[in-house]
Amino acid sequence: MTTATLLKKAVSKDEGVVVLSLKEYDRLLATHVPNYYLTGKAATDLDKLVEEGLREYAEGKTIHASSISEALAIRRKQGHKKK
């Protein structure tokens, strides 16, 4: 059994505390992510963009990096200009 100590000042300042298991917290978090549904031209444009990305990935034209900044640095080294 784990014991948690809560400061009365912190609890009253934040108007209370809720204790949840990590599994329950993850479930609540997953259900509260907003869903967006595209229609019309926006949906068509996104479908084309995804298809192009999947095709480039299959052809080995994608950049493998651990962060966006690393990917941008690799792209600059390859001679691509900024948009």
Protein backbone atom coordinates (compact mmCIF):
# COMPACT_ATOMS: atom_id res chain seq x y z
CA MET A 1 0.00 0.00 0.00
CA THR A 2 1.27 3.45 -0.93
CA THR A 3 0.75 6.49 1.26
CA ALA A 4 0.32 9.93 -0.29
CA THR A 5 0.65 13.17 1.63
CA LEU A 6 -1.34 16.12 0.39
CA LEU A 7 -0.82 19.69 1.49
CA LYS A 8 -4.06 21.25 2.67
CA LYS A 9 -3.00 24.58 1.16
CA ALA A 10 -2.47 23.03 -2.28
CA VAL A 11 -5.74 21.11 -2.17
CA SER A 12 -7.83 24.13 -1.21
CA LYS A 13 -6.01 26.33 -3.78
CA ASP A 14 -6.83 23.88 -6.60
CA GLU A 15 -10.35 23.23 -5.27
CA GLY A 16 -9.76 19.55 -4.57
CA VAL A 17 -7.84 16.51 -5.72
CA VAL A 18 -8.85 13.40 -7.66
CA VAL A 19 -6.95 10.12 -7.34
CA LEU A 20 -7.26 7.70 -10.26
CA SER A 21 -5.42 4.63 -11.36
CA LEU A 22 -3.16 5.17 -14.37
CA LYS A 23 -5.36 2.86 -16.43
CA GLU A 24 -8.48 4.89 -15.62
CA TYR A 25 -6.65 8.17 -16.29
CA ASP A 26 -5.51 6.91 -19.72
CA ARG A 27 -9.08 5.81 -20.53
CA LEU A 28 -10.48 9.22 -19.60
CA LEU A 29 -7.77 11.00 -21.55
CA ALA A 30 -8.40 8.90 -24.66
CA THR A 31 -12.12 9.63 -24.60
CA HIS A 32 -11.62 13.39 -24.32
CA VAL A 33 -9.41 13.93 -27.36
CA PRO A 34 -11.44 15.95 -29.84
CA ASN A 35 -12.43 14.31 -33.11
CA TYR A 36 -12.40 16.29 -36.32
CA TYR A 37 -14.25 15.14 -39.42
CA LEU A 38 -13.33 16.72 -42.72
CA THR A 39 -15.68 16.90 -45.67
CA GLY A 40 -15.53 18.23 -49.21
CA LYS A 41 -12.32 19.73 -50.58
CA ALA A 42 -10.50 19.60 -47.23
CA ALA A 43 -11.08 15.83 -46.99
CA THR A 44 -10.05 15.26 -50.60
CA ASP A 45 -6.88 17.34 -50.18
CA LEU A 46 -5.92 15.45 -47.03
CA ASP A 47 -6.54 12.07 -48.71
CA LYS A 48 -4.23 13.08 -51.58
CA LEU A 49 -1.56 14.26 -49.13
CA VAL A 50 -1.68 10.96 -47.22
CA GLU A 51 -1.54 8.95 -50.45
CA GLU A 52 1.50 10.96 -51.60
CA GLY A 53 3.23 10.46 -48.25
CA LEU A 54 2.61 6.72 -48.25
CA ARG A 55 3.89 6.46 -51.83
CA GLU A 56 7.06 8.43 -50.96
CA TYR A 57 7.59 6.25 -47.89
CA ALA A 58 7.29 3.08 -49.99
CA GLU A 59 9.79 4.51 -52.50
CA GLY A 60 12.28 5.33 -49.70
CA LYS A 61 12.07 9.08 -50.26
CA THR A 62 11.30 9.94 -46.63
CA ILE A 63 13.68 11.30 -44.00
CA HIS A 64 14.30 9.20 -40.88
CA ALA A 65 14.97 11.42 -37.85
CA SER A 66 14.28 11.46 -34.13
CA SER A 67 12.93 15.03 -34.11
CA ILE A 68 11.55 17.67 -36.42
CA SER A 69 14.66 19.83 -36.02
CA GLU A 70 16.85 16.87 -36.99
CA ALA A 71 14.65 16.18 -40.04
CA LEU A 72 14.87 19.83 -41.11
CA ALA A 73 18.66 19.79 -40.73
CA ILE A 74 18.90 16.63 -42.86
CA ARG A 75 16.59 18.19 -45.46
CA ARG A 76 18.74 21.36 -45.64
CA LYS A 77 21.89 19.25 -46.10
CA GLN A 78 20.20 17.47 -49.02
CA GLY A 79 19.80 20.83 -50.75
CA HIS A 80 16.07 21.48 -50.27
CA LYS A 81 15.07 25.11 -49.92
CA LYS A 82 12.72 26.43 -47.24
CA LYS A 83 9.14 27.10 -48.34
